[in-house]
Protein backbone atom coordinates (compact mmCIF):
# COMPACT_ATOMS: atom_id res chain seq x y z
CA UNK A 1 -11.77 28.57 -53.38
CA UNK A 2 -11.84 31.97 -51.31
CA UNK A 3 -15.45 31.21 -50.07
CA UNK A 4 -14.91 27.52 -49.49
CA UNK A 5 -11.61 28.14 -47.38
CA UNK A 6 -13.32 30.87 -45.41
CA UNK A 7 -16.36 28.87 -44.51
CA UNK A 8 -14.67 25.66 -44.25
CA UNK A 9 -12.18 27.25 -41.73
CA UNK A 10 -15.10 28.38 -39.57
CA UNK A 11 -16.69 24.84 -39.91
CA UNK A 12 -13.45 23.08 -39.16
CA UNK A 13 -12.98 25.04 -35.79
CA UNK A 14 -16.58 24.09 -34.89
CA UNK A 15 -16.11 20.62 -35.86
CA UNK A 16 -12.60 20.38 -34.03
CA UNK A 17 -14.40 21.68 -30.84
CA UNK A 18 -17.42 19.36 -31.27
CA UNK A 19 -15.05 16.46 -31.79
CA UNK A 20 -13.31 17.19 -28.63
CA UNK A 21 -16.57 17.68 -26.66
CA UNK A 22 -18.19 14.46 -28.33
CA UNK A 23 -15.13 12.38 -27.54
CA UNK A 24 -15.17 13.43 -23.72
CA UNK A 25 -18.86 12.74 -23.70
CA UNK A 26 -19.06 9.55 -25.40
CA UNK A 27 -15.87 8.00 -23.98
CA UNK A 28 -15.83 9.37 -20.42
CA UNK A 29 -19.16 10.89 -19.21
CA UNK A 30 -22.09 8.89 -20.99
CA UNK A 31 -20.49 5.39 -20.28
CA UNK A 32 -20.48 6.09 -16.51
CA UNK A 33 -23.72 8.21 -16.42
CA UNK A 34 -25.58 5.23 -17.88
CA UNK A 35 -23.74 2.45 -16.10
CA UNK A 36 -25.90 -0.54 -15.57
CA UNK A 37 -28.65 1.27 -17.60
CA UNK A 38 -27.19 1.07 -20.91
CA UNK A 39 -30.72 0.38 -22.44
CA UNK A 40 -31.80 3.90 -21.79
CA UNK A 41 -28.70 5.39 -23.55
CA UNK A 42 -29.72 2.88 -26.35
CA UNK A 43 -33.21 4.50 -26.20
CA UNK A 44 -31.98 7.91 -26.60
CA UNK A 45 -29.79 6.80 -29.71
CA UNK A 46 -32.81 5.03 -31.30
CA UNK A 47 -35.09 7.93 -30.62
CA UNK A 48 -32.45 10.24 -32.41
CA UNK A 49 -32.14 7.59 -35.43
CA UNK A 50 -35.81 7.45 -35.86
CA UNK A 51 -36.19 11.04 -35.45
CA UNK A 52 -33.63 11.75 -38.32
CA UNK A 53 -35.39 9.28 -40.44
CA UNK A 54 -39.00 10.64 -40.00
CA UNK A 55 -37.58 14.29 -40.35
CA UNK A 56 -36.01 13.53 -43.83
CA UNK A 57 -39.18 12.02 -44.83
CA UNK A 58 -41.59 14.56 -43.41
CA UNK A 59 -40.19 17.61 -45.27
CA UNK A 60 -40.89 15.86 -48.54
CA UNK A 61 -37.36 16.67 -49.82
CA UNK A 62 -38.17 20.62 -49.77
CA UNK A 63 -34.54 21.23 -48.25
CA UNK A 64 -32.90 19.77 -51.37
CA UNK A 65 -35.15 21.93 -53.58
CA UNK A 66 -34.29 25.03 -51.76
CA UNK A 67 -30.50 24.53 -52.42
CA UNK A 68 -31.38 23.64 -56.13
CA UNK A 69 -33.67 25.98 -57.27
CA UNK A 70 -33.32 29.53 -55.36
CA UNK A 71 -30.29 30.25 -57.37
CA UNK A 72 -32.34 30.42 -60.56
CA UNK A 73 -34.38 33.48 -59.35
CA UNK A 74 -33.70 36.99 -59.11
CA UNK A 75 -33.84 38.76 -55.62
CA UNK A 76 -37.33 40.02 -56.11
CA UNK A 77 -38.73 36.70 -57.25
CA UNK A 78 -36.90 34.67 -54.65
CA UNK A 79 -39.29 34.88 -51.65
CA UNK A 80 -42.34 33.63 -53.57
CA UNK A 81 -40.34 30.59 -54.76
CA UNK A 82 -39.12 29.88 -51.38
CA UNK A 83 -42.58 30.32 -49.80
CA UNK A 84 -43.78 27.67 -52.20
CA UNK A 85 -41.27 25.12 -51.31
CA UNK A 86 -41.66 25.57 -47.70
CA UNK A 87 -45.40 25.11 -47.99
CA UNK A 88 -44.56 21.61 -49.33
CA UNK A 89 -42.47 20.91 -46.23
CA UNK A 90 -45.22 22.16 -43.95
CA UNK A 91 -47.74 19.97 -45.44
CA UNK A 92 -45.34 17.05 -45.28
CA UNK A 93 -44.72 17.59 -41.58
CA UNK A 94 -48.45 17.87 -40.72
CA UNK A 95 -49.11 14.66 -42.69
CA UNK A 96 -46.24 12.73 -40.90
CA UNK A 97 -47.51 13.82 -37.56
CA UNK A 98 -50.92 12.69 -38.15
CA UNK A 99 -49.75 9.49 -39.47
CA UNK A 100 -47.73 8.83 -36.46
CA UNK A 101 -50.58 9.53 -34.16
CA UNK A 102 -52.90 7.35 -35.93
CA UNK A 103 -50.64 4.33 -36.64
CA UNK A 104 -47.47 4.90 -34.74
CA UNK A 105 -48.15 2.28 -32.03
CA UNK A 106 -48.70 -0.33 -34.68
CA UNK A 107 -45.60 0.53 -36.43
CA UNK A 108 -43.49 0.21 -33.22
CA UNK A 109 -44.95 -3.28 -32.50
CA UNK A 110 -44.09 -4.26 -36.10
CA UNK A 111 -40.54 -2.86 -36.43
CA UNK A 112 -39.19 -3.58 -32.86
CA UNK A 113 -41.62 -5.71 -30.59
CA UNK A 114 -38.94 -6.58 -28.00
CA UNK A 115 -38.67 -2.68 -27.18
CA UNK A 116 -42.14 -1.78 -28.02
CA UNK A 117 -43.10 -0.87 -24.18
CA UNK A 118 -39.93 1.22 -23.73
CA UNK A 119 -40.25 3.13 -27.06
CA UNK A 120 -44.03 3.72 -26.73
CA UNK A 121 -43.70 5.32 -23.20
CA UNK A 122 -41.48 7.81 -24.71
CA UNK A 123 -43.46 8.47 -27.98
CA UNK A 124 -44.23 11.98 -27.09
CA UNK A 125 -40.64 12.95 -27.14
CA UNK A 126 -39.94 11.22 -30.21
CA UNK A 127 -42.89 13.13 -32.00
CA UNK A 128 -41.58 16.39 -30.69
CA UNK A 129 -37.91 15.65 -31.71
CA UNK A 130 -39.17 14.71 -35.22
CA UNK A 131 -40.87 17.87 -35.70
CA UNK A 132 -38.00 20.17 -34.53
CA UNK A 133 -35.73 18.17 -36.61
CA UNK A 134 -37.72 18.64 -39.60
CA UNK A 135 -38.01 22.44 -39.26
CA UNK A 136 -34.23 22.50 -38.59
CA UNK A 137 -33.70 20.78 -42.03
CA UNK A 138 -35.45 23.66 -43.67
CA UNK A 139 -33.69 26.51 -41.96
CA UNK A 140 -30.50 24.72 -42.45
CA UNK A 141 -31.03 24.65 -46.16
CA UNK A 142 -31.78 28.28 -46.10
CA UNK A 143 -28.43 29.03 -44.51
CA UNK A 144 -26.53 26.69 -46.80
CA UNK A 145 -28.13 28.43 -49.57
CA UNK A 146 -26.95 31.75 -48.25
CA UNK A 147 -23.37 30.09 -47.90
CA UNK A 148 -23.69 30.42 -44.04
CA UNK A 149 -22.40 26.82 -43.51
CA UNK A 150 -19.98 27.91 -40.76
CA UNK A 151 -22.71 29.20 -38.45
CA UNK A 152 -24.58 25.93 -39.14
CA UNK A 153 -21.53 23.91 -37.88
CA UNK A 154 -21.30 26.04 -34.87
CA UNK A 155 -24.86 25.19 -33.96
CA UNK A 156 -24.88 21.52 -34.95
CA UNK A 157 -21.36 20.69 -33.39
CA UNK A 158 -20.70 23.12 -30.54
CA UNK A 159 -23.85 23.84 -29.16
CA UNK A 160 -25.68 20.49 -29.63
CA UNK A 161 -22.58 18.52 -28.19
CA UNK A 162 -21.94 21.02 -25.43
CA UNK A 163 -25.49 20.76 -24.36
CA UNK A 164 -25.31 16.95 -24.54
CA UNK A 165 -22.25 16.69 -22.22
CA UNK A 166 -23.86 19.14 -19.78
CA UNK A 167 -26.83 16.71 -19.62
CA UNK A 168 -24.59 13.90 -19.21
CA UNK A 169 -22.72 15.36 -16.38
CA UNK A 170 -26.02 16.26 -14.60
CA UNK A 171 -27.01 12.62 -14.92
CA UNK A 172 -23.66 11.24 -13.71
CA UNK A 173 -23.81 13.43 -10.71
CA UNK A 174 -27.45 12.73 -9.87
CA UNK A 175 -28.72 16.20 -10.38
CA UNK A 176 -31.30 15.16 -12.87
CA UNK A 177 -32.97 11.60 -13.39
CA UNK A 178 -33.02 9.54 -16.46
CA UNK A 179 -36.61 10.72 -17.64
CA UNK A 180 -35.40 14.28 -17.16
CA UNK A 181 -32.26 13.54 -19.30
CA UNK A 182 -34.53 12.57 -22.16
CA UNK A 183 -36.86 15.62 -21.97
CA UNK A 184 -34.00 17.96 -21.60
CA UNK A 185 -32.10 16.26 -24.59
CA UNK A 186 -35.21 16.89 -26.73
CA UNK A 187 -35.36 20.43 -25.41
CA UNK A 188 -31.65 21.05 -26.80
CA UNK A 189 -32.93 20.54 -30.22
CA UNK A 190 -35.56 23.00 -29.75
CA UNK A 191 -32.84 25.68 -28.66
CA UNK A 192 -30.86 24.46 -31.91
CA UNK A 193 -34.09 25.36 -33.99
CA UNK A 194 -34.34 28.72 -32.42
CA UNK A 195 -30.67 29.35 -33.35
CA UNK A 196 -30.99 28.22 -36.88
CA UNK A 197 -34.16 29.99 -37.39
CA UNK A 198 -32.95 33.33 -36.02
CA UNK A 199 -30.51 34.37 -38.93
CA UNK A 200 -33.40 33.14 -41.43
CA UNK A 201 -36.11 35.20 -39.68
CA UNK A 202 -36.58 37.12 -43.01
CA UNK A 203 -38.47 34.02 -44.31
CA UNK A 204 -41.69 35.13 -42.35
CA UNK A 205 -41.44 38.47 -43.92
CA UNK A 206 -41.46 36.99 -47.24
CA UNK A 207 -45.04 35.68 -46.87
CA UNK A 208 -46.39 39.06 -48.08
CA UNK A 209 -44.90 38.38 -51.34
CA UNK A 210 -47.39 35.31 -51.89
CA UNK A 211 -46.53 32.08 -53.67
CA UNK A 212 -44.96 31.05 -57.00
CA UNK A 213 -47.79 28.80 -58.07
CA UNK A 214 -46.57 28.46 -61.65
CA UNK A 215 -43.39 26.71 -60.69
CA UNK A 216 -44.94 24.43 -58.01
CA UNK A 217 -45.17 21.41 -60.34
CA UNK A 218 -41.39 21.37 -60.86
CA UNK A 219 -40.76 22.06 -57.11
CA UNK A 220 -42.91 19.30 -56.23
CA UNK A 221 -41.20 16.93 -58.71
CA UNK A 222 -37.80 17.59 -57.49
CA UNK A 223 -39.08 17.32 -53.73
CA UNK A 224 -40.45 13.96 -54.52
CA UNK A 225 -37.09 13.01 -55.95
CA UNK A 226 -35.25 14.52 -53.00
CA UNK A 227 -37.59 12.76 -50.55
CA UNK A 228 -36.88 9.40 -51.75
CA UNK A 229 -33.41 9.81 -52.84
CA UNK A 230 -32.07 11.93 -49.82
CA UNK A 231 -34.38 10.15 -47.43
CA UNK A 232 -32.98 6.84 -48.49
CA UNK A 233 -29.30 7.94 -47.64
CA UNK A 234 -30.54 8.93 -44.08
CA UNK A 235 -32.53 5.77 -43.57
CA UNK A 236 -29.55 3.67 -44.58
CA UNK A 237 -27.13 5.68 -42.27
CA UNK A 238 -29.37 4.92 -39.22
CA UNK A 239 -30.32 1.41 -39.87
CA UNK A 240 -27.14 0.01 -38.18
CA UNK A 241 -28.42 1.42 -34.86
CA UNK A 242 -31.85 0.24 -35.31
CA UNK A 243 -31.04 -3.32 -36.36
CA UNK A 244 -28.56 -3.52 -33.60
CA UNK A 245 -31.21 -2.59 -31.12
CA UNK A 246 -33.62 -5.01 -32.64
CA UNK A 247 -31.24 -8.11 -32.89
CA UNK A 248 -28.54 -7.49 -30.37
CA UNK A 249 -30.42 -5.49 -27.68
CA UNK A 250 -30.73 -1.91 -26.80
CA UNK A 251 -27.82 -2.26 -24.45
CA UNK A 252 -25.56 -2.83 -27.35
CA UNK A 253 -26.36 0.23 -29.08
CA UNK A 254 -24.25 2.49 -26.96
CA UNK A 255 -21.22 0.30 -27.24
CA UNK A 256 -21.52 0.46 -31.06
CA UNK A 257 -22.20 3.91 -30.90
CA UNK A 258 -18.81 4.81 -29.25
CA UNK A 259 -17.02 2.68 -31.68
CA UNK A 260 -18.98 4.43 -34.63
CA UNK A 261 -18.19 7.81 -33.09
CA UNK A 262 -14.37 7.16 -33.13
CA UNK A 263 -14.67 6.02 -36.65
CA UNK A 264 -16.69 9.08 -37.82
CA UNK A 265 -14.01 11.46 -36.32
CA UNK A 266 -12.04 10.54 -39.48
CA UNK A 267 -14.81 12.43 -41.34
CA UNK A 268 -14.15 15.66 -39.70
CA UNK A 269 -12.17 17.33 -42.57
CA UNK A 270 -14.84 16.28 -45.11
CA UNK A 271 -17.69 17.39 -43.15
CA UNK A 272 -16.14 20.86 -42.71
CA UNK A 273 -16.11 21.28 -46.58
CA UNK A 274 -19.23 19.30 -47.62
CA UNK A 275 -21.90 22.06 -47.44
CA UNK A 276 -19.99 24.78 -48.63
CA UNK A 277 -18.68 22.73 -51.75
CA UNK A 278 -22.41 21.86 -52.35
CA UNK A 279 -23.21 25.42 -52.19
CA UNK A 280 -20.48 26.67 -54.51
CA UNK A 281 -21.09 23.74 -56.95
CA UNK A 282 -24.75 24.79 -57.09
CA UNK A 283 -23.49 28.32 -58.21
CA UNK A 284 -21.15 26.95 -60.67
CA UNK A 285 -23.60 24.69 -62.22
CA UNK A 286 -26.25 27.44 -62.42
CA UNK A 287 -23.56 29.72 -63.97
CA UNK A 288 -22.57 27.07 -66.45
CA UNK A 289 -19.03 27.01 -65.14
CA UNK A 290 -18.40 23.46 -66.23
CA UNK A 291 -14.66 23.91 -67.02
CA UNK A 292 -13.97 24.55 -63.12
CA UNK A 293 -16.35 21.75 -61.86
CA UNK A 294 -13.81 19.03 -62.75
CA UNK A 295 -10.98 20.93 -60.91
CA UNK A 296 -13.25 21.36 -57.94
CA UNK A 297 -13.93 17.64 -57.91
CA UNK A 298 -10.35 16.62 -57.98
CA UNK A 299 -9.13 19.30 -55.57
CA UNK A 300 -11.72 18.65 -52.81
CA UNK A 301 -11.27 14.88 -53.16
CA UNK A 302 -7.39 15.12 -52.79
CA UNK A 303 -7.54 17.58 -49.75
CA UNK A 304 -10.34 15.50 -48.04
CA UNK A 305 -8.53 12.11 -48.43
CA UNK A 306 -5.15 13.72 -47.30
CA UNK A 307 -6.49 15.18 -44.23
CA UNK A 308 -8.90 12.34 -43.49
CA UNK A 309 -6.01 9.72 -43.88
CA UNK A 310 -3.93 11.92 -41.45
CA UNK A 311 -6.86 11.71 -38.83
CA UNK A 312 -7.25 8.01 -39.42
CA UNK A 313 -3.76 6.95 -39.22
CA UNK A 314 -3.30 8.82 -35.90
CA UNK A 315 -6.31 7.26 -34.25
CA UNK A 316 -5.32 3.82 -35.59
CA UNK A 317 -1.71 4.09 -34.44
CA UNK A 318 -2.92 4.96 -30.76
CA UNK A 319 -5.95 2.84 -30.64
CA UNK A 320 -4.58 0.06 -28.13
CA UNK A 321 -3.60 2.74 -25.35
CA UNK A 322 -6.61 4.66 -26.21
CA UNK A 323 -9.08 1.89 -25.35
CA UNK A 324 -7.60 1.40 -21.94
CA UNK A 325 -9.27 4.65 -20.98
CA UNK A 326 -12.64 3.14 -21.63
CA UNK A 327 -14.71 0.95 -19.39
CA UNK A 328 -14.06 -2.76 -20.02
CA UNK A 329 -17.23 -3.38 -21.89
CA UNK A 330 -16.46 -0.77 -24.38
CA UNK A 331 -13.11 -2.08 -25.48
CA UNK A 332 -12.22 -4.47 -28.54
CA UNK A 333 -13.84 -2.04 -31.06
CA UNK A 334 -10.84 -1.62 -33.29
CA UNK A 335 -12.46 -3.41 -36.29
CA UNK A 336 -15.65 -1.22 -35.91
CA UNK A 337 -13.37 1.83 -36.01
CA UNK A 338 -11.43 0.50 -39.05
CA UNK A 339 -14.69 -0.28 -41.05
CA UNK A 340 -16.48 3.17 -40.16
CA UNK A 341 -13.01 4.99 -40.81
CA UNK A 342 -12.48 3.67 -44.26
CA UNK A 343 -16.18 4.25 -45.15
CA UNK A 344 -15.70 7.89 -44.12
CA UNK A 345 -12.71 8.05 -46.35
CA UNK A 346 -14.66 6.85 -49.17
CA UNK A 347 -17.33 9.13 -48.70
CA UNK A 348 -14.87 12.13 -48.40
CA UNK A 349 -13.30 11.08 -51.73
CA UNK A 350 -16.74 11.58 -53.34
CA UNK A 351 -18.18 14.54 -51.85
CA UNK A 352 -18.13 17.02 -54.93
CA UNK A 353 -18.67 14.14 -57.24
CA UNK A 354 -22.01 13.14 -55.39
CA UNK A 355 -23.31 16.71 -55.30
CA UNK A 356 -22.61 17.21 -58.84
CA UNK A 357 -24.80 14.18 -59.88
CA UNK A 358 -27.45 15.41 -57.44
CA UNK A 359 -27.46 18.91 -58.79
CA UNK A 360 -27.10 18.10 -62.47
CA UNK A 361 -29.90 17.31 -65.01
CA UNK A 362 -29.19 13.67 -64.34
CA UNK A 363 -30.22 14.02 -60.88
CA UNK A 364 -33.16 11.36 -61.12
CA UNK A 365 -30.17 8.56 -61.54
CA UNK A 366 -29.55 8.99 -57.92
CA UNK A 367 -33.00 7.56 -57.07
CA UNK A 368 -32.66 3.91 -57.93
CA UNK A 369 -29.10 3.83 -56.47
CA UNK A 370 -30.25 5.32 -53.18
CA UNK A 371 -33.38 3.11 -52.84
CA UNK A 372 -31.26 0.03 -53.58
CA UNK A 373 -28.73 1.30 -50.84
CA UNK A 374 -31.58 0.82 -48.38
CA UNK A 375 -32.18 -2.76 -49.48
CA UNK A 376 -28.50 -3.50 -49.47
CA UNK A 377 -28.02 -2.17 -46.10
CA UNK A 378 -30.93 -4.12 -44.53
CA UNK A 379 -29.61 -7.25 -46.41
CA UNK A 380 -26.00 -6.77 -45.30
CA UNK A 381 -26.95 -6.08 -41.71
CA UNK A 382 -29.12 -9.13 -41.56
CA UNK A 383 -26.51 -11.35 -43.03
CA UNK A 384 -23.74 -10.31 -40.72
CA UNK A 385 -25.86 -9.79 -37.60
CA UNK A 386 -28.16 -12.68 -37.85
CA UNK A 387 -26.94 -15.32 -40.13
CA UNK A 388 -23.16 -15.00 -39.54
CA UNK A 389 -23.64 -13.62 -35.90
CA UNK A 390 -20.55 -11.34 -36.33
CA UNK A 391 -22.16 -8.88 -33.77
CA UNK A 392 -20.95 -5.35 -33.75
CA UNK A 393 -18.00 -5.95 -36.07
CA UNK A 394 -20.53 -7.43 -38.55
CA UNK A 395 -22.69 -4.29 -38.30
CA UNK A 396 -19.55 -2.21 -38.94
CA UNK A 397 -18.54 -4.39 -41.92
CA UNK A 398 -21.88 -4.05 -43.31
CA UNK A 399 -21.71 -0.33 -43.22
CA UNK A 400 -18.34 -0.38 -45.11
CA UNK A 401 -19.76 -2.67 -47.60
CA UNK A 402 -22.88 -0.48 -48.41
CA UNK A 403 -20.59 2.59 -48.66
CA UNK A 404 -18.44 0.90 -51.17
CA UNK A 405 -21.37 -0.49 -53.15
CA UNK A 406 -23.27 3.04 -53.28
CA UNK A 407 -20.14 5.13 -54.05
CA UNK A 408 -18.95 2.80 -56.87
CA UNK A 409 -22.30 3.39 -58.56
CA UNK A 410 -22.18 7.06 -58.07
CA UNK A 411 -18.56 7.36 -59.50
CA UNK A 412 -19.57 5.39 -62.52
CA UNK A 413 -22.67 7.36 -63.32
CA UNK A 414 -21.00 10.86 -62.88
CA UNK A 415 -17.91 9.65 -65.06
CA UNK A 416 -20.41 8.27 -67.64
CA UNK A 417 -22.96 10.96 -67.83
CA UNK A 418 -20.82 14.19 -66.79
CA UNK A 419 -17.35 13.06 -67.77
CA UNK A 420 -15.72 13.99 -64.41
CA UNK A 421 -14.10 12.02 -61.64
CA UNK A 422 -12.40 12.73 -58.38
CA UNK A 423 -9.21 10.48 -58.94
CA UNK A 424 -5.68 11.62 -59.28
CA UNK A 425 -2.53 9.51 -58.77
CA UNK A 426 -1.77 11.04 -55.45
CA UNK A 427 -4.89 9.30 -53.68
CA UNK A 428 -3.47 5.77 -53.52
CA UNK A 429 -0.11 7.19 -52.54
CA UNK A 430 -1.58 9.04 -49.73
CA UNK A 431 -3.50 6.24 -48.43
CA UNK A 432 -0.51 3.91 -48.72
CA UNK A 433 1.57 6.48 -46.75
CA UNK A 434 -1.15 6.80 -44.07
CA UNK A 435 -1.43 3.14 -43.60
CA UNK A 436 2.36 2.53 -43.44
CA UNK A 437 2.71 5.29 -40.77
CA UNK A 438 -0.28 3.83 -38.78
CA UNK A 439 1.22 0.32 -38.74
CA UNK A 440 4.66 1.65 -37.99
CA UNK A 441 3.48 3.40 -34.80
CA UNK A 442 0.75 0.99 -33.80
CA UNK A 443 2.22 0.03 -30.72
CA UNK A 444 0.47 -1.94 -27.74
CA UNK A 445 -0.09 -0.30 -24.56
CA UNK A 446 2.74 -0.25 -22.29
CA UNK A 447 5.49 0.03 -24.91
CA UNK A 448 6.37 3.44 -23.82
CA UNK A 449 5.66 2.72 -20.20
CA UNK A 450 3.64 5.95 -20.04
CA UNK A 451 0.02 6.82 -19.04
CA UNK A 452 -2.35 5.44 -21.76
CA UNK A 453 -3.43 8.96 -22.72
CA UNK A 454 0.06 10.09 -23.22
CA UNK A 455 0.85 6.93 -25.21
CA UNK A 456 -2.29 7.27 -27.53
CA UNK A 457 -1.51 10.93 -28.03
CA UNK A 458 2.08 10.40 -28.77
CA UNK A 459 1.52 7.47 -31.18
CA UNK A 460 -1.19 9.23 -33.01
CA UNK A 461 0.94 12.49 -33.52
CA UNK A 462 3.74 10.46 -34.83
CA UNK A 463 1.49 8.76 -37.32
CA UNK A 464 -0.51 11.68 -38.31
CA UNK A 465 2.63 14.00 -38.39
CA UNK A 466 4.51 11.51 -40.54
CA UNK A 467 1.66 11.08 -43.02
CA UNK A 468 0.96 14.81 -43.37
CA UNK A 469 4.79 15.75 -43.77
CA UNK A 470 5.32 13.03 -46.37
CA UNK A 471 2.31 14.07 -48.41
CA UNK A 472 3.33 17.74 -48.11
CA UNK A 473 6.85 16.98 -49.32
CA UNK A 474 5.49 15.00 -52.27
CA UNK A 475 3.58 18.00 -53.17
CA UNK A 476 0.11 16.83 -52.61
CA UNK A 477 -1.09 19.82 -50.51
CA UNK A 478 -0.18 23.04 -52.45
CA UNK A 479 -3.03 24.92 -50.86
CA UNK A 480 -1.41 24.76 -47.48
CA UNK A 481 2.06 25.67 -48.94
CA UNK A 482 0.60 28.84 -50.59
CA UNK A 483 -1.42 29.70 -47.58
CA UNK A 484 1.68 29.52 -45.37
CA UNK A 485 3.98 31.35 -47.83
CA UNK A 486 1.52 34.35 -47.71
CA UNK A 487 1.88 34.59 -43.97
CA UNK A 488 5.42 33.47 -43.55
CA UNK A 489 7.87 34.72 -46.09
CA UNK A 490 10.55 32.01 -45.54
CA UNK A 491 8.23 29.29 -45.71
CA UNK A 492 9.69 26.57 -48.24
């Protein structure tokens, strides 16, 4: 666990900084910068969603193939294999750009006719964002293969969110206009691409080694699988925003974005370990260290659920005073937070489990589950948004339902085919402790008679601290105890 702990600590610092910056931006800067013009903020969010979707599809699953196959080659043979996989991705990117240029306008009219004019007017920025995001996927996969996930987190979290809040402040103080904001926003992704590409610059030097043509069929087979399986996850993850924009209007997208962001903060501990766990797991599978995979599965699930439960308990406890800090139209999102937060805990429980299935010889089983996830996501969002008309709460409930459905299938498949699971008796106890702590300190605004930010922080610290201390005393975090005992001789 040394590599995981080291890289996770780097990633955790970056995620923590990114969380603070993102919170300030989403809760303070952007709601005021886009005041009375929420549709444009919604446009930026929709552009990002479509960019993520097309970027995941355009690379034809090559990033997943990089992580899966490069471990199998000796150092002298690795450049040829990498060149072949990247060639698949470049072909896919060119094919996607050509298709958008030819049929993009018709797709926009079909998918979102009510916002077609606004989306079409900014099509050039969308295409540029899609290409940049596609290349970022490739370089990110190379860095993950090299166990450089800490560096990736600093780019994705600290740089990207810092640039976003700077643009928000410039817009708020009328230094730039909205159209300039959109152009500069796309430009920040271009800088991220350069920062990710620089440590991977040796890729270009590898072209002189040629291509591994003999293994292209298996690269292409896995890439095709990764395209549909991995792409389906990204599509499902972005459909909430797209369907809200379509059925509720672009001006509702930023409101949901704020509630979704607060819920997604719960995932910070799991995000700090996800990529490095995947990289270490790939090494273990290649080295046939099957006896340690089950322990990695359970330990990562226990630590993730403990830390995520602490975070969620703190936010939930201080939610009422916290929302007093927001503009009026952004309040009343507690149900959105709860649904998204619980979905993130479910995802954190299953991180190593899901990676194990995707990297094992049974990886093809992921495909029908993920494709069905897209169908279930569309169906649930349509039922809750259109049929029941439950608004933003309905979209969040649909997200929770799809996470439950997808992860239940994955848990069953991994247990059936590989004989491992992430469950320990500590998990339900930790979640019960967290829920009890959150309810105990979930006071309405004004209970303490303090400023709302002080009340939110105080209630959050009480709930998070109570949860952590109780779980620590119960022995559910031995890694923390061991680490502290190495540094502090008198630590109990």
